[in-house]
Each structure stands twice: as C-alpha cells, then as structure tokens.
Amino acid sequence: MLEFLDSYAWILWLGLILVFVIVEMLTLEFTFLMIAIGSLGGLITGVFGADWYWQVIVAALLSVLLLLTIRPPLLRLLKRGGDPAKSNVDALLGLEGLVLDQITATAGHVKLANGDTWTARVSPLTDDRELARGERVLVTAIDGATAIVVPAVRPSEREEPIL
C-alpha cells in the first residue's frame, strides 16, 4: 500500500487541488484557494522524490501558513472597493418625511423624502404626543414595515446658544 502511495501520490494531489479550486470558486473566501496552494506544495515535494508523509506535512504547513499570512490581506483588499452608498433600511435612517395621517404611538402614515409612503408611529423615546398632518418628521428606526419617527427640528426652531 505504501508503495502505491509513493508511486501515485501525484494523482491524489492533482485530484485534491482540483476539488479545492472548484470549492473555492463556489465559496469565494480564499480558504480553499490557500489549501489548494498548500496541496500544490505537497505535489511539488513529491516531484522531488520526498516520501508521502513528507508531502502531507509540507502541504499542511504551507496551507496553515498561507491561511494565517496571505488570506487576511487578500480579504481586506477584496472588501476595500465596496459601494459606500447606504441601501435598504440603512438608507432610511435619518431621512426626513412629511406626516400624511396623524401619527400616534400606534399608527399613522408618513411620506419620506425618497418618495416612499410608510406606516409610522412616534418613537417611545419622545414625549407622549401625536404628530399632526403636515408636520416634518425624522426616521430614527425601522420596525418591520413601520417607520419609527420623531418630530424634526427646523433650523428656525433650534435654540440659540447662550453667549
């Protein structure tokens, strides 16, 4: 059995490299790419005549070394070019709106600055008050399909600093 491994280990290494590269193409997180390169190190070690157990040791050490040193910087480079624009719920937070129907702690409707109409309710962090039709509001959170809003402070309503 050991003679078979010494003679045909290169076929096993090629098969493993192929499997790891295919799995890497499906996951895209560089883990299996590093293991495939480590397996390539095992294959090259076998080409130079090393026994099968040395091939496994070299492949394992090279894989671990690559996973700990090369993979983290590659992941940072990959994620660096992400789109900085906010989307989904993140884009709604801080958005201004106009009250369409009176908003209470339980119900109401608001038209947001992006043109969407949402069901809304007053944030529990504000005073117990209702927001009348036409009032400006600010979205502070999203709870399911309901916008949690607070009254928006207009620049003219802000308190002047005391000098």
N, C-alpha and C. Protein backbone atom coordinates (compact mmCIF):
# COMPACT_ATOMS: atom_id res chain seq x y z
N MET A 1 0.82 -1.20 0.00
CA MET A 1 0.00 0.00 0.00
C MET A 1 0.86 1.26 0.00
N LEU A 2 1.95 1.26 0.79
CA LEU A 2 2.82 2.42 0.84
C LEU A 2 3.54 2.64 -0.48
N GLU A 3 3.86 1.55 -1.17
CA GLU A 3 4.49 1.68 -2.49
C GLU A 3 3.54 2.34 -3.47
N PHE A 4 2.26 1.99 -3.35
CA PHE A 4 1.24 2.60 -4.21
C PHE A 4 1.17 4.10 -3.95
N LEU A 5 1.18 4.50 -2.66
CA LEU A 5 1.15 5.92 -2.32
C LEU A 5 2.38 6.65 -2.85
N ASP A 6 3.55 6.02 -2.72
CA ASP A 6 4.76 6.66 -3.22
C ASP A 6 4.73 6.82 -4.73
N SER A 7 4.14 5.85 -5.42
CA SER A 7 4.14 5.89 -6.89
C SER A 7 3.05 6.80 -7.47
N TYR A 8 1.89 6.82 -6.83
CA TYR A 8 0.75 7.52 -7.43
C TYR A 8 0.21 8.67 -6.57
N ALA A 9 1.00 9.17 -5.66
CA ALA A 9 0.55 10.29 -4.82
C ALA A 9 0.26 11.53 -5.65
N TRP A 10 0.96 11.69 -6.76
CA TRP A 10 0.76 12.88 -7.59
C TRP A 10 -0.66 12.94 -8.14
N ILE A 11 -1.27 11.77 -8.41
CA ILE A 11 -2.65 11.75 -8.90
C ILE A 11 -3.59 12.21 -7.78
N LEU A 12 -3.33 11.77 -6.57
CA LEU A 12 -4.13 12.20 -5.42
C LEU A 12 -4.00 13.71 -5.22
N TRP A 13 -2.78 14.23 -5.32
CA TRP A 13 -2.57 15.67 -5.15
C TRP A 13 -3.31 16.46 -6.23
N LEU A 14 -3.23 16.01 -7.47
CA LEU A 14 -3.93 16.72 -8.55
C LEU A 14 -5.44 16.70 -8.33
N GLY A 15 -5.96 15.57 -7.87
CA GLY A 15 -7.40 15.48 -7.57
C GLY A 15 -7.80 16.42 -6.45
N LEU A 16 -7.00 16.45 -5.39
CA LEU A 16 -7.29 17.36 -4.27
C LEU A 16 -7.22 18.82 -4.69
N ILE A 17 -6.22 19.17 -5.48
CA ILE A 17 -6.09 20.55 -5.96
C ILE A 17 -7.32 20.92 -6.78
N LEU A 18 -7.74 20.03 -7.66
CA LEU A 18 -8.92 20.30 -8.48
C LEU A 18 -10.18 20.48 -7.62
N VAL A 19 -10.37 19.62 -6.64
CA VAL A 19 -11.54 19.73 -5.75
C VAL A 19 -11.49 21.04 -4.97
N PHE A 20 -10.33 21.39 -4.42
CA PHE A 20 -10.22 22.61 -3.64
C PHE A 20 -10.46 23.86 -4.49
N VAL A 21 -9.98 23.86 -5.73
CA VAL A 21 -10.20 25.02 -6.61
C VAL A 21 -11.68 25.14 -6.96
N ILE A 22 -12.35 24.03 -7.20
CA ILE A 22 -13.78 24.07 -7.51
C ILE A 22 -14.57 24.58 -6.31
N VAL A 23 -14.25 24.09 -5.11
CA VAL A 23 -14.94 24.56 -3.91
C VAL A 23 -14.67 26.05 -3.70
N GLU A 24 -13.46 26.50 -3.96
CA GLU A 24 -13.12 27.91 -3.82
C GLU A 24 -13.94 28.78 -4.78
N MET A 25 -14.15 28.30 -5.98
CA MET A 25 -14.96 29.06 -6.94
C MET A 25 -16.40 29.20 -6.46
N LEU A 26 -16.87 28.26 -5.65
CA LEU A 26 -18.23 28.34 -5.12
C LEU A 26 -18.32 29.20 -3.86
N THR A 27 -17.27 29.24 -3.06
CA THR A 27 -17.33 29.97 -1.79
C THR A 27 -16.74 31.38 -1.87
N LEU A 28 -15.70 31.58 -2.65
CA LEU A 28 -15.04 32.88 -2.84
C LEU A 28 -14.60 33.53 -1.53
N GLU A 29 -13.96 32.75 -0.68
CA GLU A 29 -13.45 33.35 0.56
C GLU A 29 -11.97 33.06 0.78
N PHE A 30 -11.29 32.54 -0.21
CA PHE A 30 -9.84 32.30 -0.23
C PHE A 30 -9.36 31.18 0.69
N THR A 31 -10.23 30.53 1.44
CA THR A 31 -9.79 29.46 2.32
C THR A 31 -9.33 28.25 1.50
N PHE A 32 -10.18 27.80 0.60
CA PHE A 32 -9.83 26.61 -0.17
C PHE A 32 -8.75 26.91 -1.22
N LEU A 33 -8.61 28.15 -1.61
CA LEU A 33 -7.50 28.52 -2.50
C LEU A 33 -6.16 28.32 -1.78
N MET A 34 -6.12 28.73 -0.53
CA MET A 34 -4.89 28.55 0.25
C MET A 34 -4.59 27.06 0.46
N ILE A 35 -5.62 26.25 0.69
CA ILE A 35 -5.43 24.81 0.86
C ILE A 35 -5.00 24.18 -0.47
N ALA A 36 -5.53 24.68 -1.57
CA ALA A 36 -5.12 24.17 -2.89
C ALA A 36 -3.65 24.49 -3.16
N ILE A 37 -3.23 25.69 -2.80
CA ILE A 37 -1.81 26.04 -3.00
C ILE A 37 -0.93 25.20 -2.09
N GLY A 38 -1.39 24.93 -0.86
CA GLY A 38 -0.66 24.03 0.04
C GLY A 38 -0.55 22.64 -0.55
N SER A 39 -1.63 22.16 -1.18
CA SER A 39 -1.60 20.85 -1.84
C SER A 39 -0.62 20.86 -3.02
N LEU A 40 -0.55 21.99 -3.69
CA LEU A 40 0.43 22.13 -4.78
C LEU A 40 1.85 21.99 -4.22
N GLY A 41 2.08 22.53 -3.04
CA GLY A 41 3.38 22.36 -2.37
C GLY A 41 3.65 20.90 -2.08
N GLY A 42 2.62 20.15 -1.66
CA GLY A 42 2.77 18.72 -1.44
C GLY A 42 3.10 17.99 -2.73
N LEU A 43 2.46 18.39 -3.83
CA LEU A 43 2.72 17.79 -5.14
C LEU A 43 4.17 18.05 -5.57
N ILE A 44 4.62 19.29 -5.40
CA ILE A 44 5.99 19.63 -5.80
C ILE A 44 7.00 18.88 -4.93
N THR A 45 6.69 18.73 -3.66
CA THR A 45 7.57 17.96 -2.78
C THR A 45 7.67 16.52 -3.26
N GLY A 46 6.56 15.95 -3.71
CA GLY A 46 6.57 14.58 -4.24
C GLY A 46 7.35 14.47 -5.53
N VAL A 47 7.29 15.52 -6.36
CA VAL A 47 8.05 15.51 -7.62
C VAL A 47 9.55 15.43 -7.34
N PHE A 48 9.99 16.03 -6.25
CA PHE A 48 11.40 15.98 -5.90
C PHE A 48 11.78 14.72 -5.15
N GLY A 49 10.85 13.77 -5.03
CA GLY A 49 11.18 12.45 -4.50
C GLY A 49 10.96 12.25 -3.01
N ALA A 50 10.28 13.17 -2.36
CA ALA A 50 10.03 13.00 -0.92
C ALA A 50 8.98 11.92 -0.70
N ASP A 51 9.03 11.28 0.47
CA ASP A 51 8.03 10.27 0.82
C ASP A 51 6.67 10.93 1.00
N TRP A 52 5.62 10.09 0.99
CA TRP A 52 4.25 10.62 1.03
C TRP A 52 3.96 11.37 2.33
N TYR A 53 4.53 10.93 3.45
CA TYR A 53 4.25 11.60 4.72
C TYR A 53 4.90 12.98 4.76
N TRP A 54 6.06 13.16 4.09
CA TRP A 54 6.68 14.49 3.99
C TRP A 54 5.83 15.40 3.10
N GLN A 55 5.24 14.81 2.08
CA GLN A 55 4.36 15.59 1.21
C GLN A 55 3.17 16.13 1.98
N VAL A 56 2.59 15.28 2.84
CA VAL A 56 1.42 15.70 3.65
C VAL A 56 1.84 16.78 4.64
N ILE A 57 3.00 16.62 5.27
CA ILE A 57 3.48 17.62 6.23
C ILE A 57 3.71 18.96 5.55
N VAL A 58 4.36 18.95 4.39
CA VAL A 58 4.63 20.20 3.66
C VAL A 58 3.31 20.85 3.25
N ALA A 59 2.37 20.05 2.75
CA ALA A 59 1.08 20.60 2.32
C ALA A 59 0.33 21.22 3.50
N ALA A 60 0.34 20.55 4.63
CA ALA A 60 -0.37 21.06 5.81
C ALA A 60 0.27 22.35 6.32
N LEU A 61 1.60 22.35 6.44
CA LEU A 61 2.28 23.55 6.93
C LEU A 61 2.12 24.73 5.99
N LEU A 62 2.24 24.48 4.70
CA LEU A 62 2.09 25.55 3.73
C LEU A 62 0.66 26.09 3.73
N SER A 63 -0.32 25.22 3.86
CA SER A 63 -1.72 25.66 3.90
C SER A 63 -1.99 26.53 5.12
N VAL A 64 -1.52 26.11 6.28
CA VAL A 64 -1.73 26.89 7.50
C VAL A 64 -1.00 28.22 7.41
N LEU A 65 0.22 28.20 6.91
CA LEU A 65 0.99 29.43 6.75
C LEU A 65 0.26 30.42 5.83
N LEU A 66 -0.24 29.94 4.71
CA LEU A 66 -0.96 30.81 3.78
C LEU A 66 -2.27 31.32 4.38
N LEU A 67 -2.98 30.46 5.10
CA LEU A 67 -4.24 30.88 5.73
C LEU A 67 -4.02 31.99 6.75
N LEU A 68 -2.91 31.92 7.47
CA LEU A 68 -2.65 32.91 8.52
C LEU A 68 -1.97 34.17 8.02
N THR A 69 -1.25 34.10 6.89
CA THR A 69 -0.49 35.27 6.45
C THR A 69 -1.06 35.94 5.19
N ILE A 70 -1.46 35.19 4.20
CA ILE A 70 -1.87 35.76 2.92
C ILE A 70 -3.37 36.02 2.85
N ARG A 71 -4.19 35.16 3.43
CA ARG A 71 -5.64 35.28 3.31
C ARG A 71 -6.19 36.58 3.92
N PRO A 72 -5.81 36.99 5.14
CA PRO A 72 -6.38 38.23 5.70
C PRO A 72 -6.14 39.48 4.84
N PRO A 73 -4.92 39.72 4.34
CA PRO A 73 -4.75 40.89 3.48
C PRO A 73 -5.55 40.79 2.17
N LEU A 74 -5.67 39.58 1.63
CA LEU A 74 -6.47 39.41 0.41
C LEU A 74 -7.94 39.75 0.66
N LEU A 75 -8.47 39.34 1.80
CA LEU A 75 -9.85 39.66 2.13
C LEU A 75 -10.05 41.16 2.32
N ARG A 76 -9.08 41.84 2.94
CA ARG A 76 -9.18 43.29 3.11
C ARG A 76 -9.16 43.99 1.75
N LEU A 77 -8.30 43.54 0.85
CA LEU A 77 -8.25 44.12 -0.49
C LEU A 77 -9.55 43.89 -1.25
N LEU A 78 -10.13 42.73 -1.07
CA LEU A 78 -11.37 42.40 -1.76
C LEU A 78 -12.52 43.26 -1.29
N LYS A 79 -12.59 43.54 0.01
CA LYS A 79 -13.70 44.29 0.57
C LYS A 79 -13.48 45.80 0.54
N ARG A 80 -12.29 46.24 0.18
CA ARG A 80 -11.96 47.66 0.19
C ARG A 80 -12.77 48.45 -0.82
N GLY A 81 -13.06 47.88 -1.96
CA GLY A 81 -13.73 48.62 -3.02
C GLY A 81 -15.24 48.55 -2.95
N GLY A 82 -15.81 48.25 -1.80
CA GLY A 82 -17.26 48.14 -1.67
C GLY A 82 -17.96 49.47 -1.90
N ASP A 83 -19.22 49.39 -2.25
CA ASP A 83 -20.02 50.58 -2.51
C ASP A 83 -20.33 51.28 -1.19
N PRO A 84 -19.91 52.54 -1.02
CA PRO A 84 -20.15 53.23 0.25
C PRO A 84 -21.58 53.73 0.41
N ALA A 85 -22.37 53.67 -0.65
CA ALA A 85 -23.75 54.16 -0.57
C ALA A 85 -24.58 53.25 0.33
N LYS A 86 -25.39 53.89 1.18
CA LYS A 86 -26.26 53.13 2.06
C LYS A 86 -27.43 52.59 1.25
N SER A 87 -27.94 51.44 1.66
CA SER A 87 -29.09 50.86 0.96
C SER A 87 -30.02 50.22 1.98
N ASN A 88 -31.21 49.88 1.52
CA ASN A 88 -32.23 49.23 2.32
C ASN A 88 -32.56 50.05 3.56
N VAL A 89 -32.61 49.42 4.72
CA VAL A 89 -33.00 50.11 5.95
C VAL A 89 -31.99 51.19 6.32
N ASP A 90 -30.71 50.93 6.08
CA ASP A 90 -29.68 51.92 6.42
C ASP A 90 -29.90 53.24 5.70
N ALA A 91 -30.44 53.19 4.47
CA ALA A 91 -30.68 54.42 3.71
C ALA A 91 -31.87 55.19 4.27
N LEU A 92 -32.75 54.55 4.99
CA LEU A 92 -33.94 55.21 5.53
C LEU A 92 -33.67 55.92 6.85
N LEU A 93 -32.72 55.45 7.61
CA LEU A 93 -32.43 56.05 8.91
C LEU A 93 -31.92 57.47 8.72
N GLY A 94 -32.52 58.40 9.44
CA GLY A 94 -32.13 59.81 9.33
C GLY A 94 -32.83 60.55 8.22
N LEU A 95 -33.69 59.88 7.47
CA LEU A 95 -34.41 60.51 6.36
C LEU A 95 -35.57 61.33 6.89
N GLU A 96 -35.81 62.50 6.29
CA GLU A 96 -36.94 63.34 6.69
C GLU A 96 -38.19 62.89 5.98
N GLY A 97 -39.32 63.25 6.56
CA GLY A 97 -40.60 62.91 5.96
C GLY A 97 -41.67 63.91 6.35
N LEU A 98 -42.84 63.75 5.75
CA LEU A 98 -43.98 64.62 5.98
C LEU A 98 -45.15 63.75 6.43
N VAL A 99 -45.81 64.14 7.51
CA VAL A 99 -46.91 63.35 8.06
C VAL A 99 -48.11 63.46 7.12
N LEU A 100 -48.64 62.30 6.69
CA LEU A 100 -49.84 62.27 5.84
C LEU A 100 -51.09 62.11 6.69
N ASP A 101 -51.07 61.15 7.60
CA ASP A 101 -52.16 60.94 8.55
C ASP A 101 -51.57 61.14 9.93
N GLN A 102 -52.38 61.61 10.85
CA GLN A 102 -51.92 61.85 12.21
C GLN A 102 -51.18 60.62 12.73
N ILE A 103 -50.00 60.86 13.29
CA ILE A 103 -49.18 59.76 13.80
C ILE A 103 -49.28 59.74 15.31
N THR A 104 -49.65 58.57 15.84
CA THR A 104 -49.71 58.36 17.28
C THR A 104 -48.66 57.32 17.66
N ALA A 105 -48.71 56.87 18.87
CA ALA A 105 -47.77 55.84 19.32
C ALA A 105 -48.08 54.49 18.70
N THR A 106 -49.25 54.37 18.04
CA THR A 106 -49.63 53.08 17.47
C THR A 106 -49.84 53.09 15.96
N ALA A 107 -50.15 54.24 15.36
CA ALA A 107 -50.48 54.23 13.93
C ALA A 107 -50.25 55.60 13.30
N GLY A 108 -50.23 55.60 11.97
CA GLY A 108 -50.09 56.82 11.18
C GLY A 108 -49.38 56.52 9.88
N HIS A 109 -49.30 57.54 9.01
CA HIS A 109 -48.61 57.39 7.73
C HIS A 109 -47.71 58.59 7.49
N VAL A 110 -46.59 58.32 6.85
CA VAL A 110 -45.62 59.37 6.56
C VAL A 110 -45.10 59.17 5.14
N LYS A 111 -44.87 60.29 4.44
CA LYS A 111 -44.24 60.24 3.12
C LYS A 111 -42.80 60.70 3.30
N LEU A 112 -41.87 59.81 2.97
CA LEU A 112 -40.46 60.10 3.18
C LEU A 112 -39.88 60.92 2.04
N ALA A 113 -38.72 61.50 2.26
CA ALA A 113 -38.07 62.35 1.27
C ALA A 113 -37.72 61.59 -0.01
N ASN A 114 -37.59 60.27 0.07
CA ASN A 114 -37.28 59.48 -1.13
C ASN A 114 -38.53 59.14 -1.93
N GLY A 115 -39.72 59.59 -1.46
CA GLY A 115 -40.97 59.36 -2.19
C GLY A 115 -41.78 58.18 -1.69
N ASP A 116 -41.24 57.37 -0.81
CA ASP A 116 -41.96 56.21 -0.28
C ASP A 116 -42.95 56.64 0.79
N THR A 117 -44.09 55.96 0.83
CA THR A 117 -45.06 56.17 1.90
C THR A 117 -44.99 54.97 2.84
N TRP A 118 -44.83 55.26 4.11
CA TRP A 118 -44.66 54.22 5.12
C TRP A 118 -45.70 54.39 6.22
N THR A 119 -46.09 53.27 6.82
CA THR A 119 -46.82 53.37 8.08
C THR A 119 -45.80 53.82 9.11
N ALA A 120 -46.27 54.59 10.08
CA ALA A 120 -45.32 55.16 11.03
C ALA A 120 -45.94 55.22 12.41
N ARG A 121 -45.08 55.32 13.39
CA ARG A 121 -45.52 55.59 14.75
C ARG A 121 -44.44 56.41 15.44
N VAL A 122 -44.89 57.13 16.46
CA VAL A 122 -43.98 58.01 17.19
C VAL A 122 -43.04 57.17 18.03
N SER A 123 -41.82 57.57 18.09
CA SER A 123 -40.82 56.87 18.88
C SER A 123 -41.19 56.91 20.36
N PRO A 124 -41.03 55.80 21.06
CA PRO A 124 -41.34 55.81 22.50
C PRO A 124 -40.36 56.68 23.30
N LEU A 125 -39.27 57.09 22.69
CA LEU A 125 -38.29 57.93 23.39
C LEU A 125 -38.71 59.39 23.44
N THR A 126 -39.70 59.79 22.66
CA THR A 126 -40.17 61.18 22.66
C THR A 126 -41.29 61.34 23.67
N ASP A 127 -41.69 62.57 23.89
CA ASP A 127 -42.82 62.85 24.77
C ASP A 127 -44.07 62.19 24.19
N ASP A 128 -45.03 61.90 25.05
CA ASP A 128 -46.29 61.33 24.59
C ASP A 128 -47.07 62.41 23.85
N ARG A 129 -46.84 62.50 22.57
CA ARG A 129 -47.56 63.47 21.77
C ARG A 129 -47.84 62.89 20.41
N GLU A 130 -48.83 63.43 19.78
CA GLU A 130 -49.20 62.99 18.45
C GLU A 130 -48.65 64.00 17.45
N LEU A 131 -48.32 63.51 16.26
CA LEU A 131 -47.81 64.39 15.22
C LEU A 131 -48.93 64.66 14.23
N ALA A 132 -49.21 65.94 14.00
CA ALA A 132 -50.33 66.33 13.14
C ALA A 132 -49.94 66.27 11.67
N ARG A 133 -50.96 66.22 10.82
CA ARG A 133 -50.77 66.20 9.38
C ARG A 133 -49.97 67.43 8.95
N GLY A 134 -48.98 67.22 8.07
CA GLY A 134 -48.16 68.30 7.55
C GLY A 134 -46.90 68.56 8.36
N GLU A 135 -46.76 67.95 9.52
CA GLU A 135 -45.57 68.14 10.35
C GLU A 135 -44.39 67.38 9.74
N ARG A 136 -43.21 67.93 9.92
CA ARG A 136 -41.99 67.26 9.45
C ARG A 136 -41.50 66.30 10.53
N VAL A 137 -41.03 65.13 10.07
CA VAL A 137 -40.52 64.11 10.99
C VAL A 137 -39.19 63.58 10.50
N LEU A 138 -38.52 62.86 11.38
CA LEU A 138 -37.23 62.26 11.08
C LEU A 138 -37.30 60.78 11.45
N VAL A 139 -36.87 59.90 10.56
CA VAL A 139 -36.90 58.46 10.81
C VAL A 139 -35.72 58.10 11.71
N THR A 140 -36.02 57.44 12.84
CA THR A 140 -34.96 57.02 13.76
C THR A 140 -34.74 55.53 13.76
N ALA A 141 -35.76 54.77 13.33
CA ALA A 141 -35.62 53.31 13.30
C ALA A 141 -36.69 52.74 12.37
N ILE A 142 -36.49 51.49 11.99
CA ILE A 142 -37.46 50.76 11.19
C ILE A 142 -37.80 49.49 11.97
N ASP A 143 -39.10 49.27 12.18
CA ASP A 143 -39.57 48.08 12.88
C ASP A 143 -40.47 47.32 11.92
N GLY A 144 -39.90 46.34 11.22
CA GLY A 144 -40.68 45.61 10.21
C GLY A 144 -40.99 46.53 9.05
N ALA A 145 -42.28 46.82 8.84
CA ALA A 145 -42.70 47.72 7.76
C ALA A 145 -43.20 49.03 8.32
N THR A 146 -42.74 49.38 9.52
CA THR A 146 -43.18 50.61 10.17
C THR A 146 -41.97 51.48 10.47
N ALA A 147 -42.07 52.75 10.11
CA ALA A 147 -41.02 53.71 10.40
C ALA A 147 -41.27 54.30 11.78
N ILE A 148 -40.27 54.32 12.60
CA ILE A 148 -40.35 54.95 13.92
C ILE A 148 -39.80 56.36 13.75
N VAL A 149 -40.61 57.37 14.08
CA VAL A 149 -40.25 58.76 13.77
C VAL A 149 -40.27 59.63 15.01
N VAL A 150 -39.56 60.75 14.90
CA VAL A 150 -39.58 61.81 15.92
C VAL A 150 -39.82 63.12 15.17
N PRO A 151 -40.33 64.13 15.85
CA PRO A 151 -40.51 65.42 15.18
C PRO A 151 -39.17 65.99 14.74
N ALA A 152 -39.14 66.54 13.53
CA ALA A 152 -37.90 67.15 13.02
C ALA A 152 -37.83 68.57 13.53
N VAL A 153 -36.65 68.97 13.92
CA VAL A 153 -36.45 70.34 14.40
C VAL A 153 -35.98 71.18 13.22
N ARG A 154 -36.73 72.23 12.92
CA ARG A 154 -36.35 73.14 11.84
C ARG A 154 -35.25 74.06 12.33
N PRO A 155 -34.42 74.55 11.42
CA PRO A 155 -33.34 75.44 11.85
C PRO A 155 -33.84 76.66 12.62
N SER A 156 -35.02 77.20 12.28
CA SER A 156 -35.54 78.37 12.98
C SER A 156 -36.02 78.03 14.38
N GLU A 157 -36.32 76.74 14.64
CA GLU A 157 -36.82 76.33 15.94
C GLU A 157 -35.70 75.95 16.91
N ARG A 158 -34.48 75.82 16.41
CA ARG A 158 -33.37 75.45 17.28
C ARG A 158 -33.08 76.58 18.26
N GLU A 159 -32.68 76.19 19.44
CA GLU A 159 -32.35 77.20 20.42
C GLU A 159 -31.01 77.84 20.07
N GLU A 160 -30.96 79.13 20.24
CA GLU A 160 -29.71 79.85 20.01
C GLU A 160 -28.77 79.58 21.18
N PRO A 161 -27.49 79.40 20.91
CA PRO A 161 -26.56 79.20 22.02
C PRO A 161 -26.45 80.44 22.88
N ILE A 162 -26.36 80.24 24.15
CA ILE A 162 -26.22 81.36 25.08
C ILE A 162 -24.77 81.75 25.12
N LEU A 163 -24.50 83.03 24.84
CA LEU A 163 -23.11 83.52 24.83
C LEU A 163 -22.74 84.16 26.11
